[in-house]
Amino acid sequence: MKKVIIALMLTLALAVVVQAAGGPMISASILRYEPTPAEQGNTVDVWVQLSNIGEKGDKVVVKFVPDYPFSLPPNAKGEVDVGTIAATESKVVKFTVFVDPNAPNGEQKITFLYKYTYDQWLEFEAPITVQTQNAVLVIDKVVVSPSQILPGQNAVVELTLRNMGRISVKNVDVGFDLTDSPFNTVGTGVKKRIDSIPFGESKTVEFTLASDPSTDVKLYTVPVNLNYQDEKNKAYNDTGKIGVRVNAEPEISLLVDKTDFASKTSAGTVGLKIVNKGVVDMKYVNIRLIQTPEYEVLSTSNEQYVGNLDSDDYETVDFIIKPLVASPRLSVQLEFKDPYNVDFKQDYNLPLRIVTQKDLGKGGFPWVTVIVVLLLVGGGVYWYLKRKKKHK
C-alpha cells in the first residue's frame, strides 16, 4: 500500500511538472490477462497498456519485476523497448509470466517498472486473481497390514487421501470395486464418506478386507473409486488403483525316501523326496548334496535341477554315495523362488540309516534252505532204498 501511495504521489508530482513544462505524461495499467483467473503452476499472459495524455514521449521502456508468486519463465522477455508514444496515444505490451505452483488462491500483486523521456523508473502494481480451476484429490498413501495377506485371512487397508489442489473438497466418497475380486469387506460396506478435506490436507479411511480361502497367490489390482465435490459444488469422479499382495511362507519338507546299499560300507543309492506342504508354488527348485568327510558323492553331479513344484506336490531325486562312517548325515541345500521371484535357500542335515538286504533277513547264503533240501533228499533216498530191499 505504501508503494502505491508513493508511486501515486510521484506520478502526481510528475504530472504537475509535466503540465508546467508542457511535456509527456505517460501512465501504465493492466489492460487484461489470460487465462482469467490465472492458475498455479502455469503461465499467464499479461497485457500492459501505456497511455500518454501529454506531449510526445520518447525512450519508453517497460520492465517486469519478478516477485512471488510471479516469475519470468525461460526464454521470455522481461523488458520491452516501446520507443515513442505520441500525444493522446496508447500502446500495449505483452508479458508472459509464470505462477508459482504453491501460490495461494486469491488476488496476488504483480509489479512492473516503466520509464520515458526523463529516465526515471516508475513502479506500478496491479492485482491478478490466482485460482485453481479443478480440484485434485489423490491416493497419497496405502498401508496394508499385514503387508502380505494369507489366503482365507483378513487384512486392514488404510487409504490416505490428499487434497493436491488449492480449493477444499467435500462429500468425499471412497470405496473399492470388488467385482471379479477374491476379496470382500468385513465389518463395513465397500464405501466410506469423508465430510471435507481442506486444500493441502489429508484424511485417512480404513477398511478390513477378507480373502477367499481358495485365493491364488499373486498380486491383485483393486480399483478405488473417488467421488467428491469442490467448493462450487462441481462433481468429480476419479478412479485409482492399489495393489494387494496375497502370499504365504513356503513350507518345504525334505526327507530320505529310500536307500539301496549292498553293505554299510559299499557304494549305494539314496533317494531324497522334496514335498511342498504349503499353499505357495515353488519355482526353479534346485537340490545340492554337499560332500562331507562322512561320505563321498559318486554321482556325475552333486546337484540336480527339479524345476517347478506346485502346492501339495512332491519330487524325488537319487544320488550315488559311498559311506565313510557308520552313520553318516547328509548335508543338503535346497534353492528355489516363490511366485514373486523372491530367492530362498534352505539347508538340511539328514541322518542316513543304511538298511541292507541282510538287515531285512534277505541277504547272505541260504543255509536253512540248503539243510531242509538235504534232509528231504536224504529222507527220500532212505525211503527208496528201504523199499527196494523189502521187495527183494
Foldseek 3Di string as FASTA:
>chain_A
DVLAVVLVVVLVVVVVVCVVVQHKRKDKDWPDKPPVQAEAQAKIKTKMKIFIQTAKWFQKKKFWDDDPQKDADPPWDGMDGPGMAGHRGMDIDMGIIHGHNPDAFAWDKTKMWIDIDVPDIGMDIDIHTYAHPDKDKDFPDWDWVVQAAEAQAKIKIKTKIATQGNFKKAFKKKFWDQVVHQKAWPPDHRIDTDGIAGHGGIDMDMIMIGGHNPDAFDKDKIKMWIWIATPVRDIDIDIDIDIGGHDDDWDKDKAFDDWADQDQQAKTKTKMKIFGADQWKWAFKKKFWDDDQQKAWPDPHRMDTDGIAHHGGMDMDMTIMGGPDRKAWIWMKMWTATPVRDIDIDIDTHIDDDQHCVNVVRDDDPVVVVVVVVVVVVVVVVVVVVVVVVVD
